Amino acid sequence: MQSYARFLVPSLTIDDLQDVAYMDTILGLPAGWTYSVKQLAQEWQNISQGNAYLLQDAAGNSYMQYVPGVSQPLVYTPGPLPILGVGTAFGFSRRLRARIKKSSL
């Protein structure tokens, strides 16, 4: 688990994450999946040098799975921010051109 969220289950605490039976009830894991808790002996840096699969469970908690050697092409999907940025730039350039045209007359 990379992070836990409280926006879907506001009462969720860090202590709840240790309770496997409780987490099994709120997560609704697919068949064959299990929830377990392990305490790391030392700091672990999960640095992916390939593809990593990110997913969220039913409670909004985030997980990352890294499979070494798996190479799949990445598909980039533009979000709304670049589209809004293009629209803003276009509007600004139209106003600027209008001001330049008006001042040159």
Protein backbone atom coordinates (compact mmCIF):
# COMPACT_ATOMS: atom_id res chain seq x y z
CA MET A 1 0.00 0.00 0.00
CA GLN A 2 1.34 3.39 -0.94
CA SER A 3 -1.25 5.48 0.84
CA TYR A 4 -4.55 5.15 2.61
CA ALA A 5 -7.52 7.41 2.07
CA ARG A 6 -10.28 8.59 4.36
CA PHE A 7 -12.62 10.21 1.85
CA LEU A 8 -14.67 7.03 1.22
CA VAL A 9 -14.38 5.57 4.73
CA PRO A 10 -13.94 8.63 7.00
CA SER A 11 -13.60 6.52 10.15
CA LEU A 12 -10.58 4.58 8.75
CA THR A 13 -7.46 4.91 10.92
CA ILE A 14 -3.91 3.63 10.71
CA ASP A 15 -4.78 1.11 13.42
CA ASP A 16 -7.61 -0.24 11.25
CA LEU A 17 -5.06 -1.06 8.55
CA GLN A 18 -3.50 -3.60 10.94
CA ASP A 19 -6.85 -5.38 11.45
CA VAL A 20 -6.94 -7.88 8.57
CA ALA A 21 -10.50 -9.07 9.27
CA TYR A 22 -11.84 -5.49 9.31
CA MET A 23 -10.01 -4.55 6.11
CA ASP A 24 -11.33 -7.67 4.36
CA THR A 25 -14.89 -6.54 5.14
CA ILE A 26 -14.52 -3.00 3.77
CA LEU A 27 -12.35 -3.80 0.75
CA GLY A 28 -14.44 -6.44 -0.97
CA LEU A 29 -11.41 -8.01 -2.64
CA PRO A 30 -11.79 -10.07 -5.83
CA ALA A 31 -11.62 -13.87 -5.61
CA GLY A 32 -8.08 -15.05 -4.99
CA TRP A 33 -6.89 -11.76 -3.48
CA THR A 34 -5.94 -11.41 0.17
CA TYR A 35 -5.11 -8.53 2.46
CA SER A 36 -2.09 -8.95 4.73
CA VAL A 37 0.08 -6.72 6.88
CA LYS A 38 3.87 -6.78 7.00
CA GLN A 39 6.19 -4.46 8.90
CA LEU A 40 9.37 -3.63 6.99
CA ALA A 41 12.65 -4.05 8.84
CA GLN A 42 14.20 -1.11 7.01
CA GLU A 43 13.18 1.68 4.67
CA TRP A 44 12.29 0.44 1.21
CA GLN A 45 12.40 2.61 -1.88
CA ASN A 46 10.09 1.38 -4.58
CA ILE A 47 11.73 2.88 -7.63
CA SER A 48 10.28 1.53 -10.83
CA GLN A 49 12.60 1.31 -13.81
CA GLY A 50 9.89 -0.03 -16.03
CA ASN A 51 6.14 -0.17 -15.89
CA ALA A 52 4.31 0.02 -12.61
CA TYR A 53 0.65 -0.77 -12.17
CA LEU A 54 -1.24 1.63 -9.93
CA LEU A 55 -4.66 0.77 -8.58
CA GLN A 56 -7.07 1.75 -5.87
CA ASP A 57 -9.26 -0.46 -3.74
CA ALA A 58 -12.91 0.09 -2.78
CA ALA A 59 -11.85 2.34 0.12
CA GLY A 60 -9.67 4.60 -2.08
CA ASN A 61 -6.34 3.25 -0.79
CA SER A 62 -3.55 3.28 -3.39
CA TYR A 63 -1.28 0.38 -4.31
CA MET A 64 1.58 -0.05 -6.74
CA GLN A 65 2.75 -3.29 -8.29
CA TYR A 66 6.03 -3.38 -10.14
CA VAL A 67 6.74 -6.38 -12.34
CA PRO A 68 10.39 -6.49 -13.43
CA GLY A 69 10.90 -7.31 -17.07
CA VAL A 70 7.39 -6.42 -18.16
CA SER A 71 7.60 -3.92 -20.96
CA GLN A 72 4.44 -2.49 -22.39
CA PRO A 73 4.06 0.72 -24.35
CA LEU A 74 2.84 3.59 -22.25
CA VAL A 75 -0.33 5.30 -23.39
CA TYR A 76 -0.55 8.96 -22.55
CA THR A 77 -4.02 10.40 -22.24
CA PRO A 78 -4.27 14.19 -22.17
CA GLY A 79 -6.10 15.54 -19.18
CA PRO A 80 -8.29 18.61 -18.99
CA LEU A 81 -5.46 20.92 -17.92
CA PRO A 82 -3.60 20.95 -21.27
CA ILE A 83 -6.89 21.47 -23.08
CA LEU A 84 -7.78 24.37 -20.77
CA GLY A 85 -4.29 25.78 -21.23
CA VAL A 86 -4.65 25.75 -25.02
CA GLY A 87 -8.04 27.43 -24.74
CA THR A 88 -6.66 30.13 -22.44
CA ALA A 89 -3.66 30.75 -24.71
CA PHE A 90 -5.93 30.98 -27.75
CA GLY A 91 -8.22 33.49 -26.00
CA PHE A 92 -5.26 35.54 -24.81
CA SER A 93 -3.71 35.61 -28.30
CA ARG A 94 -7.01 36.78 -29.83
CA ARG A 95 -7.25 39.63 -27.32
CA LEU A 96 -3.60 40.54 -27.88
CA ARG A 97 -4.02 40.59 -31.66
CA ALA A 98 -7.12 42.76 -31.27
CA ARG A 99 -5.20 45.23 -29.05
CA ILE A 100 -2.29 45.38 -31.50
CA LYS A 101 -4.62 45.92 -34.43
CA LYS A 102 -6.51 48.63 -32.52
CA SER A 103 -3.30 50.46 -31.53
CA SER A 104 -1.88 50.42 -35.06
CA LEU A 105 -4.90 52.20 -36.50
